[in-house]
Amino acid sequence: MSECVTVSEKKEFIQWFLGRYELQKREAAWLLNYLCSDDQLLERTHFVDSLRRLPKSISISTRCVQMTPFQFTKNGRVSTDVETAFYDIRSCPREDLFISLYFKERSACPEYAAVLEVNPMERQDLVQDSLCSLLAEMILDQAVREFREKELYRRIDDALARGDEKQFLQLTEQWLAIMEKNK
């Protein structure tokens, strides 16, 4: 997956794709050609694997797969009409458009992989997941450290209660080392 795909790479890919696959809805091919004809639209067009939680997206399927032929989604509203998508794209050219294509062996297609970008909502989820994992790890480390300190303190008390001076001195050295680290 690429971080930034150029307009020319997107054009090249769309032309390659349309030359190789037959779409379930022929009008979708017309829409892709329309995108190719406008560099500013293509600049704001992004190919992604997942359309989850995106404000404006299109799903297009070829005849070689059993998927919804065409689906346009904008702010939660869904349409299977290509003309609705075209009208919206034409009237709102400054909005990002996310497209996911469904075709046979798409996961093994290097041409598709070359134009794929990361869904920005998933990137945000990954960052949040990483932060949550880091926070959980910090909390767990603190809990383990507190447990070990309490356990060491309990063992010092036991050594004192038994009158075991040797173990008491060993354990207090460990306690002092821990206290020095915590400063």
Protein backbone atom coordinates (compact mmCIF):
# COMPACT_ATOMS: atom_id res chain seq x y z
CA MET A 1 0.00 0.00 0.00
CA SER A 2 1.25 3.38 -0.92
CA GLU A 3 1.09 6.55 1.13
CA CYS A 4 0.69 8.87 -1.87
CA VAL A 5 -0.31 7.71 -5.33
CA THR A 6 0.15 10.13 -8.23
CA VAL A 7 -2.61 11.15 -10.63
CA SER A 8 -0.78 9.53 -13.53
CA GLU A 9 -0.48 6.22 -11.62
CA LYS A 10 -4.22 6.31 -10.91
CA LYS A 11 -5.02 7.06 -14.59
CA GLU A 12 -2.75 4.26 -15.74
CA PHE A 13 -4.34 1.83 -13.30
CA ILE A 14 -7.93 2.75 -14.25
CA GLN A 15 -7.14 2.31 -17.96
CA TRP A 16 -5.44 -1.02 -17.25
CA PHE A 17 -8.40 -2.13 -15.10
CA LEU A 18 -11.05 -1.13 -17.65
CA GLY A 19 -9.11 -2.84 -20.44
CA ARG A 20 -8.91 -6.06 -18.48
CA TYR A 21 -12.23 -6.41 -16.65
CA GLU A 22 -15.91 -6.15 -17.53
CA LEU A 23 -17.94 -4.35 -14.89
CA GLN A 24 -21.33 -5.57 -13.72
CA LYS A 25 -22.70 -2.06 -14.36
CA ARG A 26 -21.42 -0.60 -17.61
CA GLU A 27 -22.17 2.91 -16.38
CA ALA A 28 -19.50 2.44 -13.71
CA ALA A 29 -16.88 2.20 -16.47
CA TRP A 30 -18.16 5.51 -17.80
CA LEU A 31 -17.77 7.02 -14.31
CA LEU A 32 -14.19 5.74 -13.98
CA ASN A 33 -13.39 7.22 -17.41
CA TYR A 34 -14.88 10.51 -16.27
CA LEU A 35 -12.58 10.50 -13.24
CA CYS A 36 -9.61 9.88 -15.55
CA SER A 37 -10.51 12.95 -17.60
CA ASP A 38 -10.15 15.35 -14.65
CA ASP A 39 -6.81 15.51 -12.83
CA GLN A 40 -8.27 17.51 -9.93
CA LEU A 41 -10.94 14.85 -9.31
CA LEU A 42 -8.38 12.09 -9.63
CA GLU A 43 -6.15 13.89 -7.14
CA ARG A 44 -8.93 13.52 -4.55
CA THR A 45 -9.76 9.93 -5.56
CA HIS A 46 -8.27 7.19 -3.40
CA PHE A 47 -8.37 3.43 -3.90
CA VAL A 48 -8.77 1.59 -0.59
CA ASP A 49 -9.40 -1.97 0.57
CA SER A 50 -12.05 -1.06 3.11
CA LEU A 51 -14.75 1.58 2.83
CA ARG A 52 -15.59 1.44 6.52
CA ARG A 53 -16.57 4.77 8.12
CA LEU A 54 -15.67 6.88 5.08
CA PRO A 55 -17.79 9.95 4.25
CA LYS A 56 -17.94 9.39 0.46
CA SER A 57 -17.23 6.06 -1.19
CA ILE A 58 -17.91 3.88 -4.20
CA SER A 59 -17.83 0.11 -4.46
CA ILE A 60 -17.53 -1.33 -8.00
CA SER A 61 -17.61 -5.02 -8.92
CA THR A 62 -16.64 -6.88 -12.05
CA ARG A 63 -18.60 -9.72 -13.64
CA CYS A 64 -16.13 -12.31 -12.30
CA VAL A 65 -17.22 -11.82 -8.66
CA GLN A 66 -20.50 -12.14 -6.78
CA MET A 67 -20.73 -8.74 -5.11
CA THR A 68 -23.03 -5.72 -5.27
CA PRO A 69 -22.45 -4.33 -8.78
CA PHE A 70 -22.23 -0.67 -7.75
CA GLN A 71 -22.76 1.19 -4.52
CA PHE A 72 -22.30 4.87 -3.79
CA THR A 73 -22.32 6.00 -0.15
CA LYS A 74 -22.21 9.56 1.10
CA ASN A 75 -22.60 10.45 4.76
CA GLY A 76 -24.45 7.21 5.46
CA ARG A 77 -26.83 7.43 2.48
CA VAL A 78 -26.52 4.56 0.04
CA SER A 79 -27.40 4.47 -3.66
CA THR A 80 -26.87 1.88 -6.39
CA ASP A 81 -27.42 4.48 -9.10
CA VAL A 82 -24.27 5.50 -11.00
CA GLU A 83 -25.88 8.77 -12.09
CA THR A 84 -26.40 9.79 -8.46
CA ALA A 85 -22.70 9.26 -7.82
CA PHE A 86 -21.75 11.13 -11.00
CA TYR A 87 -23.95 14.10 -10.08
CA ASP A 88 -22.47 14.27 -6.58
CA ILE A 89 -18.87 13.97 -7.79
CA ARG A 90 -19.47 16.66 -10.39
CA SER A 91 -21.20 19.04 -7.98
CA CYS A 92 -18.73 18.49 -5.09
CA PRO A 93 -15.32 18.16 -6.78
CA ARG A 94 -13.36 19.20 -3.68
CA GLU A 95 -14.51 16.23 -1.59
CA ASP A 96 -12.31 13.15 -1.26
CA LEU A 97 -13.71 10.05 -2.94
CA PHE A 98 -12.74 6.56 -1.82
CA ILE A 99 -13.15 3.64 -4.23
CA SER A 100 -12.91 -0.07 -3.61
CA LEU A 101 -12.87 -2.40 -6.61
CA TYR A 102 -13.95 -6.02 -6.37
CA PHE A 103 -12.56 -8.41 -8.94
CA LYS A 104 -11.15 -11.92 -9.15
CA GLU A 105 -7.83 -12.33 -7.31
CA ARG A 106 -7.69 -8.66 -6.31
CA SER A 107 -5.61 -9.47 -3.21
CA ALA A 108 -2.86 -10.89 -5.45
CA CYS A 109 -2.98 -8.12 -8.06
CA PRO A 110 0.22 -6.01 -8.04
CA GLU A 111 -1.39 -3.30 -10.20
CA TYR A 112 -4.16 -2.79 -7.64
CA ALA A 113 -1.74 -2.98 -4.71
CA ALA A 114 0.33 -0.22 -6.32
CA VAL A 115 -2.56 2.28 -6.14
CA LEU A 116 -4.05 1.19 -2.81
CA GLU A 117 -3.94 3.73 -0.01
CA VAL A 118 -4.69 3.30 3.66
CA ASN A 119 -8.23 4.15 4.71
CA PRO A 120 -7.68 7.25 6.88
CA MET A 121 -10.29 6.05 9.36
CA GLU A 122 -8.45 2.74 9.78
CA ARG A 123 -5.17 4.61 10.22
CA GLN A 124 -6.85 6.57 13.01
CA ASP A 125 -8.09 3.29 14.53
CA LEU A 126 -4.54 1.87 14.39
CA VAL A 127 -3.15 4.91 16.19
CA GLN A 128 -5.85 4.67 18.86
CA ASP A 129 -5.25 0.93 19.24
CA SER A 130 -1.50 1.54 19.60
CA LEU A 131 -2.06 4.22 22.22
CA CYS A 132 -4.46 1.96 24.13
CA SER A 133 -1.95 -0.91 24.02
CA LEU A 134 0.82 1.36 25.25
CA LEU A 135 -1.35 2.68 28.08
CA ALA A 136 -2.39 -0.86 29.07
CA GLU A 137 1.26 -1.94 29.09
CA MET A 138 2.20 1.02 31.31
CA ILE A 139 -0.62 0.24 33.74
CA LEU A 140 0.37 -3.44 33.84
CA ASP A 141 4.04 -2.55 34.43
CA GLN A 142 3.03 -0.27 37.31
CA ALA A 143 0.83 -2.99 38.84
CA VAL A 144 3.63 -5.58 38.59
CA ARG A 145 6.13 -3.13 40.11
CA GLU A 146 3.76 -2.36 43.02
CA PHE A 147 3.13 -6.08 43.57
CA ARG A 148 6.87 -6.84 43.67
CA GLU A 149 7.48 -3.96 46.10
CA LYS A 150 4.70 -5.14 48.43
CA GLU A 151 5.95 -8.72 48.20
CA LEU A 152 9.51 -7.61 49.01
CA TYR A 153 8.22 -5.53 51.92
CA ARG A 154 6.26 -8.54 53.22
CA ARG A 155 9.39 -10.75 52.97
CA ILE A 156 11.41 -8.14 54.91
CA ASP A 157 8.76 -8.20 57.65
CA ASP A 158 8.87 -12.01 57.71
CA ALA A 159 12.69 -12.00 57.99
CA LEU A 160 12.42 -9.53 60.90
CA ALA A 161 9.74 -11.63 62.60
CA ARG A 162 11.93 -14.77 62.28
CA GLY A 163 15.06 -12.90 63.35
CA ASP A 164 16.88 -13.88 60.13
CA GLU A 165 19.44 -11.07 59.97
CA LYS A 166 21.18 -12.37 56.80
CA GLN A 167 17.95 -12.50 54.76
CA PHE A 168 16.82 -9.17 56.24
CA LEU A 169 20.02 -7.45 55.04
CA GLN A 170 19.75 -9.06 51.57
CA LEU A 171 16.13 -7.99 51.17
CA THR A 172 16.73 -4.46 52.45
CA GLU A 173 19.53 -4.07 49.87
CA GLN A 174 17.01 -5.05 47.18
CA TRP A 175 14.50 -2.60 48.69
CA LEU A 176 17.06 0.23 48.67
CA ALA A 177 17.96 -0.55 45.02
CA ILE A 178 14.27 -0.33 44.05
CA MET A 179 13.84 2.95 45.95
CA GLU A 180 16.94 4.37 44.20
CA LYS A 181 15.44 3.45 40.75
CA ASN A 182 12.12 5.11 41.64
CA LYS A 183 13.75 8.48 42.37
